[in-house]
Amino acid sequence: MYFFNLFKKLSAIFLIVLPVNTLANELSLVEAERLALEADFIIKQYNASADSLNEIAIAEEQLPDPKAKFGIMNIPVNSFDRSQEPMTQLQFGVQQSFPRGDTLHYKRQRIEDMADVDKAKALDQKKKVLRSLRNSYLDLYLNVKTESILQQNRDLFTQLLDITQRQYAVGRDNQHDVLRAQLELALVDDRIAEIVGAKEIAQAELSKWIGSNSAQRPLPETFPELTTFSDVEMIISSLADHPLIQMEDAVVNSKEKNIKIAEEQYKPGWMLDLTYGQRSGNNLDGSSRDDFASAMVMVDIPLFTDKRQDKRLSASKLEHIASQYSRSDRLLELKRQVEKEHANWVRMGRRFELYETRAVVDAAQNSESTLKAYQNGQTDFTTLMRARLTELNTQLDMLKIRVDRAKSQANLLYYKRETI
């Protein structure tokens, strides 16, 4: 008796714990998004590239390394004696160049702008990963729920086969109805086999983002909840903050720095030269010869600018204009994509509402009333089977429309300004 009671307690614990563990192992959409972002290497690549460019930008602003020089000057070639002639010197010197105007400052800013391009690419990649992950997750959910609906309806078609067999046994139906019921059951089995294959493909696609182990986890029964948006006009008005436009803005800014650099080339560049000359030997009066020190300043003078500075400045301005055109075109294209996707989302919403409030309800009621009429001998088996198939297809159509609408919403979220 003791072991029997112990077995009952353990069984009760197992029955309680098992659903909890199953729920804990379910893969929610939020967790799938987190796993996908953590596993994406392209995001890390763009962030690393941006950090690299920021390091280069700091180095770019520094002055060029000074040049040291060492040599001997005015040595007599007949004796190579450093003390023979008073102009012979052993020279040590250093040269430092100073680029034109604020060229270095603008070069640093230009590279920082290019780092901003990679940062925007990383943000855009995050949005793309989330969009693709959400679509893959919804595809898998569609196949899982479709399989569940088909399995439930298979039981109904099995019951219909049993009914026709009983009716045939008592002489109320003919063999044709039994064969038709067997055929429809076989077709349902074929649809189940097909959807199982599609589910495996969807799992493989999802595993590309989160790994095969996570993709094999069961999905929650509830429909995936996506972030909502209040108004499409808000999405359109915030497109200027989209990473793709931020990328274009960074390119425009870098082209503007090219103009600044070209303008600085009209200013002179400088070079400072400091030299110390050591002399050997003595003067005629017996005193030692003094060492020499010299300082020189060399200046780049931009006198003939029409074929060099003017052309470079003009080219920089044209590149800047071209980048502005590119930004405007990208913004218009994003706006067009949002409007197109929103129209599809609205259309799917209307269809889903129609199916949810009318089509599915009417199909279920029609199937139930047709079954009762068939059992009472008031209709034939073909009408009953048509009603059952209509109910099944209506359920699957509503599920497909709901998932397609959610995928359209996921696509719209790619354009929405959000913290990710």
Protein backbone atom coordinates (compact mmCIF):
# COMPACT_ATOMS: atom_id res chain seq x y z
CA MET A 1 0.00 0.00 0.00
CA TYR A 2 2.88 2.31 0.78
CA PHE A 3 4.47 1.83 -2.65
CA PHE A 4 1.11 2.36 -4.33
CA ASN A 5 0.66 5.72 -2.59
CA LEU A 6 4.24 6.67 -3.40
CA PHE A 7 3.65 5.83 -7.07
CA LYS A 8 0.54 8.02 -7.11
CA LYS A 9 2.45 10.95 -5.64
CA LEU A 10 5.31 10.59 -8.12
CA SER A 11 2.84 10.31 -10.98
CA ALA A 12 1.09 13.48 -9.84
CA ILE A 13 4.40 15.34 -9.64
CA PHE A 14 5.37 14.12 -13.12
CA LEU A 15 2.06 15.23 -14.59
CA ILE A 16 2.45 18.65 -13.03
CA VAL A 17 6.10 19.18 -13.91
CA LEU A 18 5.98 17.92 -17.50
CA PRO A 19 3.77 20.72 -18.89
CA VAL A 20 5.88 23.30 -17.05
CA ASN A 21 9.08 21.96 -18.62
CA THR A 22 7.40 21.85 -22.01
CA LEU A 23 6.36 25.47 -21.66
CA ALA A 24 9.83 26.43 -20.46
CA ASN A 25 11.31 24.82 -23.57
CA GLU A 26 9.00 26.67 -25.96
CA LEU A 27 10.66 29.07 -28.34
CA SER A 28 8.95 32.43 -28.18
CA LEU A 29 9.36 35.04 -30.88
CA VAL A 30 11.07 37.43 -28.46
CA GLU A 31 13.68 34.82 -27.54
CA ALA A 32 14.20 33.90 -31.19
CA GLU A 33 14.87 37.57 -31.98
CA ARG A 34 17.44 37.77 -29.20
CA LEU A 35 19.21 34.61 -30.33
CA ALA A 36 19.32 35.81 -33.94
CA LEU A 37 20.87 39.16 -33.03
CA GLU A 38 23.45 37.51 -30.80
CA ALA A 39 24.46 35.03 -33.50
CA ASP A 40 24.74 37.43 -36.44
CA PHE A 41 28.35 37.99 -37.49
CA ILE A 42 27.67 40.73 -40.03
CA ILE A 43 26.49 43.08 -37.27
CA LYS A 44 29.73 42.42 -35.41
CA GLN A 45 31.70 42.94 -38.61
CA TYR A 46 30.21 46.39 -39.25
CA ASN A 47 30.69 47.45 -35.62
CA ALA A 48 34.32 46.32 -35.69
CA SER A 49 34.86 48.17 -38.96
CA ALA A 50 33.37 51.34 -37.46
CA ASP A 51 35.65 51.07 -34.42
CA SER A 52 38.62 50.59 -36.73
CA LEU A 53 37.79 53.72 -38.72
CA ASN A 54 37.42 55.75 -35.53
CA GLU A 55 40.93 54.68 -34.52
CA ILE A 56 42.24 55.63 -37.96
CA ALA A 57 40.50 59.01 -37.70
CA ILE A 58 42.49 59.88 -34.60
CA ALA A 59 45.75 59.00 -36.33
CA GLU A 60 44.76 60.95 -39.45
CA GLU A 61 44.58 64.25 -37.56
CA GLN A 62 48.16 64.04 -36.30
CA LEU A 63 51.02 65.93 -37.93
CA PRO A 64 53.32 63.94 -40.20
CA ASP A 65 56.25 62.33 -38.46
CA PRO A 66 59.29 64.63 -38.32
CA LYS A 67 62.26 63.77 -40.52
CA ALA A 68 65.72 63.53 -39.00
CA LYS A 69 68.77 64.18 -41.14
CA PHE A 70 72.47 63.47 -40.64
CA GLY A 71 75.34 64.20 -43.00
CA ILE A 72 78.65 65.86 -43.66
CA MET A 73 78.92 69.08 -45.63
CA ASN A 74 81.81 70.61 -47.65
CA ILE A 75 84.40 67.94 -46.95
CA PRO A 76 87.58 68.24 -49.12
CA VAL A 77 87.80 65.36 -51.53
CA ASN A 78 91.61 65.34 -51.78
CA SER A 79 92.22 64.55 -48.12
CA PHE A 80 88.79 63.87 -46.55
CA ASP A 81 90.06 65.75 -43.51
CA ARG A 82 87.18 67.35 -41.55
CA SER A 83 89.52 69.85 -39.86
CA GLN A 84 91.20 71.11 -43.03
CA GLU A 85 88.55 73.54 -44.31
CA PRO A 86 86.53 75.93 -42.13
CA MET A 87 83.24 75.25 -44.00
CA THR A 88 83.31 71.49 -43.40
CA GLN A 89 80.48 70.55 -41.06
CA LEU A 90 79.01 67.46 -39.51
CA GLN A 91 75.29 68.26 -39.65
CA PHE A 92 72.37 67.06 -37.52
CA GLY A 93 68.88 68.31 -38.26
CA VAL A 94 65.11 67.75 -38.14
CA GLN A 95 62.32 68.71 -40.51
CA GLN A 96 58.62 69.04 -39.66
CA SER A 97 55.94 69.67 -42.26
CA PHE A 98 52.57 71.33 -41.57
CA PRO A 99 49.82 70.53 -44.10
CA ARG A 100 47.72 73.30 -45.59
CA GLY A 101 45.26 75.01 -43.24
CA ASP A 102 42.91 72.64 -41.36
CA THR A 103 43.36 69.78 -43.80
CA LEU A 104 44.13 67.25 -41.06
CA HIS A 105 41.09 68.26 -39.04
CA TYR A 106 38.74 67.73 -41.97
CA LYS A 107 40.41 64.45 -42.90
CA ARG A 108 39.65 63.16 -39.43
CA GLN A 109 36.04 64.24 -39.71
CA ARG A 110 35.75 62.59 -43.12
CA ILE A 111 36.90 59.24 -41.75
CA GLU A 112 34.56 59.60 -38.78
CA ASP A 113 31.75 60.08 -41.30
CA MET A 114 32.77 56.82 -42.97
CA ALA A 115 32.70 55.17 -39.54
CA ASP A 116 29.13 56.45 -39.23
CA VAL A 117 28.35 54.67 -42.51
CA ASP A 118 29.40 51.35 -40.97
CA LYS A 119 27.45 52.10 -37.80
CA ALA A 120 24.35 52.71 -39.90
CA LYS A 121 25.03 49.46 -41.79
CA ALA A 122 25.14 47.62 -38.46
CA LEU A 123 21.78 49.12 -37.43
CA ASP A 124 20.28 48.26 -40.80
CA GLN A 125 21.60 44.71 -40.51
CA LYS A 126 19.88 44.40 -37.13
CA LYS A 127 16.61 45.42 -38.71
CA LYS A 128 17.13 43.02 -41.60
CA VAL A 129 17.92 40.16 -39.24
CA LEU A 130 14.77 40.83 -37.23
CA ARG A 131 12.66 41.06 -40.38
CA SER A 132 14.02 37.79 -41.78
CA LEU A 133 13.82 36.04 -38.42
CA ARG A 134 10.22 37.09 -37.91
CA ASN A 135 9.24 35.88 -41.37
CA SER A 136 11.00 32.55 -40.85
CA TYR A 137 9.39 32.13 -37.43
CA LEU A 138 5.94 32.86 -38.88
CA ASP A 139 6.52 30.39 -41.73
CA LEU A 140 7.32 27.68 -39.21
CA TYR A 141 4.30 28.61 -37.09
CA LEU A 142 2.10 28.40 -40.19
CA ASN A 143 3.30 24.90 -40.99
CA VAL A 144 3.00 23.70 -37.39
CA LYS A 145 -0.57 24.99 -37.03
CA THR A 146 -1.51 23.72 -40.50
CA GLU A 147 -0.34 20.25 -39.51
CA SER A 148 -2.37 20.48 -36.31
CA ILE A 149 -5.53 21.49 -38.21
CA LEU A 150 -5.03 18.69 -40.73
CA GLN A 151 -4.54 16.15 -37.95
CA GLN A 152 -7.76 17.29 -36.25
CA ASN A 153 -9.66 17.09 -39.53
CA ARG A 154 -8.17 13.69 -40.24
CA ASP A 155 -10.00 12.43 -37.19
CA LEU A 156 -13.22 13.88 -38.62
CA PHE A 157 -12.62 12.25 -42.00
CA THR A 158 -11.90 8.97 -40.21
CA GLN A 159 -15.27 9.30 -38.46
CA LEU A 160 -16.92 9.97 -41.82
CA LEU A 161 -15.35 6.78 -43.17
CA ASP A 162 -16.71 4.86 -40.19
CA ILE A 163 -20.17 6.34 -40.76
CA THR A 164 -20.21 5.40 -44.44
CA GLN A 165 -19.01 1.90 -43.66
CA ARG A 166 -21.80 1.45 -41.12
CA GLN A 167 -24.33 2.93 -43.49
CA TYR A 168 -23.10 0.59 -46.23
CA ALA A 169 -23.29 -2.39 -43.89
CA VAL A 170 -26.99 -1.79 -43.22
CA GLY A 171 -27.71 -1.06 -46.88
CA ARG A 172 -28.29 2.70 -46.66
CA ASP A 173 -25.17 3.74 -48.69
CA ASN A 174 -23.48 2.35 -51.72
CA GLN A 175 -19.85 1.27 -52.07
CA HIS A 176 -19.04 4.45 -54.02
CA ASP A 177 -19.52 6.55 -50.88
CA VAL A 178 -17.14 4.30 -48.92
CA LEU A 179 -14.52 4.55 -51.63
CA ARG A 180 -14.95 8.35 -51.75
CA ALA A 181 -14.46 8.58 -47.98
CA GLN A 182 -11.32 6.44 -48.22
CA LEU A 183 -10.00 8.63 -51.03
CA GLU A 184 -10.55 11.88 -49.12
CA LEU A 185 -8.84 10.41 -46.05
CA ALA A 186 -5.88 9.40 -48.20
CA LEU A 187 -5.71 12.92 -49.65
CA VAL A 188 -5.69 14.39 -46.16
CA ASP A 189 -2.81 12.05 -45.25
CA ASP A 190 -0.97 13.27 -48.33
CA ARG A 191 -1.48 16.90 -47.32
CA ILE A 192 -0.14 16.06 -43.86
CA ALA A 193 2.96 14.45 -45.36
CA GLU A 194 3.46 17.49 -47.58
CA ILE A 195 3.13 19.94 -44.71
CA VAL A 196 5.55 17.91 -42.59
CA GLY A 197 8.13 18.36 -45.34
CA ALA A 198 7.38 22.07 -45.51
CA LYS A 199 7.75 22.30 -41.72
CA GLU A 200 11.20 20.71 -41.91
CA ILE A 201 12.22 23.22 -44.57
CA ALA A 202 10.91 26.08 -42.40
CA GLN A 203 12.88 24.76 -39.43
CA ALA A 204 16.01 24.63 -41.56
CA GLU A 205 15.45 28.24 -42.63
CA LEU A 206 14.94 29.31 -39.02
CA SER A 207 18.04 27.42 -37.92
CA LYS A 208 20.08 29.67 -40.21
CA TRP A 209 19.37 32.50 -37.78
CA ILE A 210 19.27 30.79 -34.36
CA GLY A 211 20.90 27.38 -34.81
CA SER A 212 19.38 23.96 -35.36
CA ASN A 213 18.91 23.12 -31.67
CA SER A 214 16.80 26.20 -30.98
CA ALA A 215 14.87 25.80 -34.25
CA GLN A 216 13.78 22.31 -33.17
CA ARG A 217 12.13 23.61 -29.99
CA PRO A 218 8.31 23.63 -29.91
CA LEU A 219 6.47 26.87 -30.60
CA PRO A 220 3.83 28.35 -28.29
CA GLU A 221 0.17 27.65 -29.07
CA THR A 222 -0.67 31.34 -29.03
CA PHE A 223 -0.20 33.42 -32.16
CA PRO A 224 3.12 35.36 -32.22
CA GLU A 225 2.70 38.94 -31.07
CA LEU A 226 4.58 41.59 -33.02
CA THR A 227 5.28 45.20 -32.16
CA THR A 228 2.38 47.37 -33.27
CA PHE A 229 2.39 50.73 -34.99
CA SER A 230 -0.27 53.40 -34.73
CA ASP A 231 -0.12 55.16 -38.07
CA VAL A 232 1.67 54.61 -41.35
CA GLU A 233 2.20 58.36 -41.66
CA MET A 234 4.35 58.23 -38.53
CA ILE A 235 6.52 55.57 -40.15
CA ILE A 236 6.88 57.67 -43.30
CA SER A 237 7.66 60.84 -41.35
CA SER A 238 10.39 59.02 -39.41
CA LEU A 239 12.09 57.51 -42.45
CA ALA A 240 14.77 60.21 -42.22
CA ASP A 241 15.98 58.36 -39.11
CA HIS A 242 16.13 54.98 -40.84
CA PRO A 243 19.63 53.44 -40.91
CA LEU A 244 19.66 53.46 -44.72
CA ILE A 245 19.07 57.22 -44.70
CA GLN A 246 21.58 57.65 -41.88
CA MET A 247 24.05 55.88 -44.13
CA GLU A 248 23.28 58.29 -46.96
CA ASP A 249 23.59 61.24 -44.57
CA ALA A 250 27.03 60.04 -43.50
CA VAL A 251 28.11 59.79 -47.14
CA VAL A 252 26.80 63.31 -47.80
CA ASN A 253 28.75 64.58 -44.78
CA SER A 254 31.93 62.88 -45.96
CA LYS A 255 31.55 64.49 -49.38
CA GLU A 256 31.11 67.84 -47.67
CA LYS A 257 34.43 67.28 -45.87
CA ASN A 258 36.03 66.69 -49.27
CA ILE A 259 34.90 70.19 -50.22
CA LYS A 260 36.47 71.58 -47.04
CA ILE A 261 39.72 69.76 -47.75
CA ALA A 262 39.76 71.05 -51.33
CA GLU A 263 39.22 74.61 -50.07
CA GLU A 264 42.13 74.25 -47.67
CA GLN A 265 44.43 73.50 -50.60
CA TYR A 266 44.32 77.20 -51.53
CA LYS A 267 46.24 77.92 -48.33
CA PRO A 268 50.05 77.58 -48.09
CA GLY A 269 51.68 74.51 -46.57
CA TRP A 270 54.71 74.87 -44.30
CA MET A 271 57.88 73.01 -43.48
CA LEU A 272 60.29 73.88 -40.68
CA ASP A 273 63.93 72.84 -40.94
CA LEU A 274 66.31 73.06 -37.94
CA THR A 275 69.95 72.10 -38.50
CA TYR A 276 73.03 71.99 -36.25
CA GLY A 277 76.47 71.96 -37.92
CA GLN A 278 79.52 70.81 -35.97
CA ARG A 279 82.92 72.05 -37.22
CA SER A 280 86.36 70.64 -36.46
CA GLY A 281 89.79 72.26 -36.49
CA ASN A 282 91.08 75.75 -35.48
CA ASN A 283 90.99 79.21 -36.88
CA LEU A 284 94.19 81.02 -38.11
CA ASP A 285 94.58 82.64 -34.70
CA GLY A 286 94.52 79.22 -33.03
CA SER A 287 91.04 79.44 -31.59
CA SER A 288 88.61 76.57 -32.14
CA ARG A 289 86.02 76.96 -34.85
CA ASP A 290 82.45 77.76 -33.82
CA ASP A 291 79.60 75.38 -34.62
CA PHE A 292 76.75 76.58 -36.85
CA ALA A 293 72.98 76.46 -36.30
CA SER A 294 70.41 77.24 -38.98
CA ALA A 295 66.62 77.41 -39.23
CA MET A 296 64.65 77.47 -42.47
CA VAL A 297 60.98 77.76 -43.32
CA MET A 298 59.72 76.38 -46.64
CA VAL A 299 56.31 77.38 -47.96
CA ASP A 300 54.13 75.77 -50.65
CA ILE A 301 52.70 78.66 -52.61
CA PRO A 302 49.49 77.82 -54.58
CA LEU A 303 49.98 80.24 -57.44
CA PHE A 304 48.55 78.31 -60.39
CA THR A 305 45.21 76.99 -59.14
CA ASP A 306 43.15 76.77 -62.31
CA LYS A 307 44.33 73.27 -63.30
CA ARG A 308 44.68 71.76 -59.84
CA GLN A 309 42.90 73.31 -56.85
CA ASP A 310 40.01 74.69 -58.89
CA LYS A 311 39.35 71.34 -60.56
CA ARG A 312 39.53 69.39 -57.33
CA LEU A 313 37.17 71.78 -55.62
CA SER A 314 34.72 71.59 -58.51
CA ALA A 315 34.87 67.77 -58.50
CA SER A 316 34.25 67.68 -54.76
CA LYS A 317 31.21 69.90 -55.09
CA LEU A 318 29.79 67.71 -57.85
CA GLU A 319 30.32 64.57 -55.75
CA HIS A 320 28.49 66.27 -52.88
CA ILE A 321 25.54 67.08 -55.13
CA ALA A 322 25.48 63.50 -56.43
CA SER A 323 25.37 62.12 -52.88
CA GLN A 324 22.42 64.40 -52.08
CA TYR A 325 20.56 63.05 -55.12
CA SER A 326 21.29 59.51 -53.97
CA ARG A 327 19.86 60.29 -50.53
CA SER A 328 16.70 61.78 -51.99
CA ASP A 329 16.19 58.77 -54.25
CA ARG A 330 16.70 56.33 -51.36
CA LEU A 331 14.18 58.22 -49.24
CA LEU A 332 11.58 58.16 -52.01
CA GLU A 333 12.15 54.43 -52.53
CA LEU A 334 11.66 53.71 -48.83
CA LYS A 335 8.47 55.74 -48.84
CA ARG A 336 7.16 53.77 -51.82
CA GLN A 337 8.00 50.47 -50.14
CA VAL A 338 6.20 51.50 -46.95
CA GLU A 339 3.07 52.55 -48.81
CA LYS A 340 3.03 49.32 -50.81
CA GLU A 341 3.52 47.13 -47.74
CA HIS A 342 0.93 49.05 -45.74
CA ALA A 343 -1.65 48.61 -48.51
CA ASN A 344 -0.99 44.87 -48.43
CA TRP A 345 -1.28 44.83 -44.62
CA VAL A 346 -4.63 46.66 -44.72
CA ARG A 347 -5.97 44.32 -47.40
CA MET A 348 -4.93 41.25 -45.39
CA GLY A 349 -6.59 42.71 -42.32
CA ARG A 350 -9.90 43.07 -44.11
CA ARG A 351 -9.74 39.53 -45.45
CA PHE A 352 -8.89 38.11 -42.03
CA GLU A 353 -11.80 39.97 -40.44
CA LEU A 354 -14.13 38.54 -43.09
CA TYR A 355 -12.91 35.00 -42.48
CA GLU A 356 -12.94 35.33 -38.70
CA THR A 357 -16.42 36.81 -38.39
CA ARG A 358 -18.24 35.11 -41.26
CA ALA A 359 -16.51 32.53 -43.45
CA VAL A 360 -15.21 30.18 -40.76
CA VAL A 361 -18.40 30.38 -38.71
CA ASP A 362 -20.62 29.79 -41.73
CA ALA A 363 -18.46 26.90 -42.95
CA ALA A 364 -18.60 25.19 -39.54
CA GLN A 365 -22.37 25.60 -39.28
CA ASN A 366 -22.86 24.35 -42.83
CA SER A 367 -20.69 21.30 -42.16
CA GLU A 368 -22.57 20.45 -38.96
CA SER A 369 -26.02 20.83 -40.52
CA THR A 370 -24.98 18.80 -43.56
CA LEU A 371 -23.77 15.97 -41.32
CA LYS A 372 -27.11 15.87 -39.49
CA ALA A 373 -28.97 15.92 -42.80
CA TYR A 374 -26.84 13.07 -44.11
CA GLN A 375 -27.42 10.99 -40.99
CA ASN A 376 -31.16 11.57 -41.40
CA GLY A 377 -31.03 10.60 -45.07
CA GLN A 378 -31.89 14.09 -46.30
CA THR A 379 -28.72 14.65 -48.39
CA ASP A 380 -26.09 12.60 -50.17
CA PHE A 381 -22.53 11.84 -49.18
CA THR A 382 -21.01 14.07 -51.89
CA THR A 383 -22.67 17.13 -50.37
CA LEU A 384 -21.44 16.12 -46.92
CA MET A 385 -17.86 15.66 -48.12
CA ARG A 386 -17.94 18.98 -49.96
CA ALA A 387 -19.08 20.71 -46.77
CA ARG A 388 -16.29 19.09 -44.74
CA LEU A 389 -13.65 20.05 -47.28
CA THR A 390 -14.98 23.59 -47.40
CA GLU A 391 -14.69 23.86 -43.62
CA LEU A 392 -11.13 22.50 -43.68
CA ASN A 393 -10.00 24.79 -46.49
CA THR A 394 -11.63 27.79 -44.84
CA GLN A 395 -9.73 27.14 -41.60
CA LEU A 396 -6.45 26.80 -43.49
CA ASP A 397 -7.14 29.91 -45.57
CA MET A 398 -7.84 31.99 -42.48
CA LEU A 399 -4.61 30.78 -40.85
CA LYS A 400 -2.64 31.59 -44.00
CA ILE A 401 -4.15 35.08 -44.24
CA ARG A 402 -3.41 35.77 -40.58
CA VAL A 403 0.22 34.69 -40.97
CA ASP A 404 0.62 36.66 -44.21
CA ARG A 405 -0.71 39.76 -42.48
CA ALA A 406 1.73 39.25 -39.60
CA LYS A 407 4.58 38.88 -42.10
CA SER A 408 3.48 42.12 -43.75
CA GLN A 409 3.52 43.75 -40.31
CA ALA A 410 7.03 42.38 -39.73
CA ASN A 411 8.11 43.97 -43.01
CA LEU A 412 6.60 47.30 -41.95
CA LEU A 413 8.48 47.16 -38.64
CA TYR A 414 11.70 47.19 -40.66
CA TYR A 415 10.90 50.77 -41.64
CA LYS A 416 9.65 51.86 -38.22
CA ARG A 417 11.91 53.83 -35.93
CA GLU A 418 12.43 51.57 -32.97
CA THR A 419 14.99 50.65 -30.37
CA ILE A 420 16.46 47.27 -31.19
